[in-house]
Amino acid sequence: MYVVRRHLQKLFDFGMKEMIGSKAPSGMSGGNRPWTMNLAKKSTNGNGDSVAGSRYEEAVNELNTLQSNASVLAQVKRKNKDHGKNNLEQVQKFAERAGLTLDKLDKLSIIHVSGTKGKGSVCALCESMLRASGYKTGFFSSPHLVEVRERIRINGKPLAKDAFSEYFFTIFDRLQETKASHGGAMPAYFRFLTIMAFHVFLKEKVDVAVIEVGLGGSYDCTNIIRKPVVVGITSLGLDHMAILGDTIEEIAWHKAAISKPGRPAFTVEQQEGAMNVVMDTANKIGVSSIQCIPDISCYDFSGIKLRLGLAGRHQLTNASLALQLCKTWVQNYQEINPQQYKDGPESLRTDAFLPAEAVGDPELESSAARVGMPVAEGFVVPCHFMKGLEECYWPGRNQVVKGENLTYYIDGAHTPRSITVCQEWFISAADEEAWILDRPIKRILIFNSTGNRDEYSLLKPLTDCQFDGAAFCPNITGESVSGNSADQTTFNTTNEKQLARCKCNLIAFENLVEEEAQSDLLLTIQDVAKYPSREWHSRQSRHRATSSICKSTPSNDARRLQSVPQNMYQTDSVKVPKAATKVLDSISDALHWAATWADQELTPEEPSLNGGKKQKPHVQVLITGSLHLVGGVIKVLDPELVNRPGS
């Protein structure tokens, strides 16, 4: 009966399309929200079709019925950590019900990537390089930022709404038809999308499918893959410990377990304990080889300066891993498609991968050397690969979006180590912008975190940024009555729990800032002059026009912390306002609050850098802590940022 209803709906949609045409009526621009970018353009690729949009929304609503609610997730986490062992068997059964056998899946030419940090970036770099080389690419990633169709990309672009709907209902209807004979079982949200992605890539006849692991690796839904061309393991860290284990070694086993017999695997440099586990696990599985990637300096870029489309020094490591994965994939493709290789791009013939002259330090001690893991050779990088590295776009990761009197620094970091990397990137980029602008600066933090992550370990690195204000909000856009669009609806938590978490984050941030401020202010002026610190000077330079702090006297040297007013940290030589903090109900509220700082006149304690003339400040907003938060921010600022750079 359900399938009959679906077919009737299709006929109705067709008839409506004939009557009303394919163009959607123009909508509200959102111009009454001064903090939005107003950069979005009306879609010209059919995605604005009102009927397609309606079917797409219907598909997303049906997909959301497959989400596990918060109570179910809590039960899963309370169970033994071996709970996931049956997952692959269940995913395989659901796939077969949907018409996708493992034999069919074996026909896909797959690059499979796991890791704690950087796996999405590595996949994006791989996809960009291979697409730039002329191959048809499929890319499956998670989570999405604005719309769920972002998770399944063809040639770098999210599936069009009508294509997503068509593929969705093909799989959904097949599962519904067999539901009664299987005890009413339907796959959960991520399982369904994994099966759907594989189906799409087979139907679209992609040359390569780049697959990002969802969570862990060993029992992840994507690990029904039996014959990947090559496997990659990115940087490992402590995350999802309730499921993956409490130690880096336990987590390393899960990540390395996507390795397959007779297939090559590559890893980045890891902690020695993790590196040992990665090598042992891969070898026990029976890989053809397991190698550590070389430093980026070991590649030959033919005298051309390497330009990465992704910001941050850590992306150089990700680029090296992506280069090794793509080289291996291309060589495999050339072996099994000799005629296409012969007629293909000259830049991708085998001689393009000649070994590069060694420029790295071969004596450099590494965990790979200590555990006896071989290091892959650098090579001469084809020009198409260089083009792909430069043009790679992966939104929400070290992304800068500029507006009038506002610059948004957006990064979905959500582990202590990735937050530290984000902090380093933000300070460097924000300081450079401040130097170029040569005007007063205000720094604002918008933060949220999900799961049971420790707020103190996440927020501690961010205190070095010396924020003037910090807003903590749930991952709710506030754009509709329900708070989120269907694409961003989640049943994994409640609004009340999110707000409670925001309050904990605020308390942790205030405690950390207070602790750091007290520590800084207890230094003598002479100590500060003798041992300069980023924390002291960055805070001082944005609140005072002179460097009187360096003009110490003997009496100053002996002075310590004086009484501290409610809104000010103070010594004899410098006054530093405390950061203003707020818990707000939505992302829209947080962005609006951040934007109000651009309209504030400088106070008498904050003289302008421009000859004493008052100026309104430029506001630098760091948004981090959660990819879901980042997705909501992009949705409010400009949803088209998912597909193209904002600055």
Foldseek 3Di string as FASTA:
>chain_A
DVVVVVVVVVVVLVVVCVVPPFADDDDDQPVVQVLFFSPFDDDDPSLRGPSLVVLLQVLLLVLQVQADFQVVVVVVLVDDLCVLVCQQVVLQVLLVLLVHHLVLLQPAAEEEEEEDPDRVVLLLLLLLLVLLQPFWEWEADDDDQAFRQCRIDISQHRDRSNVCSVLSCSRVVSCVVCCVVVVNDDHHNVSSVLSSNSVVCSVVVGNYYYYYFDPQAQSTSNLNNADHQEYEYEEYDDDPCSNQNDDSCSSLLSRLNSAAAAHEYEYEFYPLSSVLSSVVNNVVRHYPAYAYEDQLVQAAAPPDDQAAQADFPVVSRSLRRSQVSNLSSLVVVCVVCVVCQVVGDPLSPPQVFAFGDGDDDPPDDGSCVVNVHHYDTYGRDGPSSSVSRNPRDAPQDQAWFDDVLEIEGGHADAALVVLLRSQVSCQVVVVVVCVVVQKFEAEEEEAFADDDDDLLSNCLSVLLVQHQAYEYEFLFLCPDPVRGRSRLDHSNDDLVVRLVRSVVNQVSNLVSNVVVLQVVQQQFLVRCLVPPDSSVVVQQVNQDLDVCSNVDDVVRRPFGFDDADPQWGDDPRDIGGDRHYYYDHHLSVVSSVQVVQQVDKDDPRRAINPPRDIDRHRYYYYYYNHSSSSSSNCVRRPVCCNPPGND
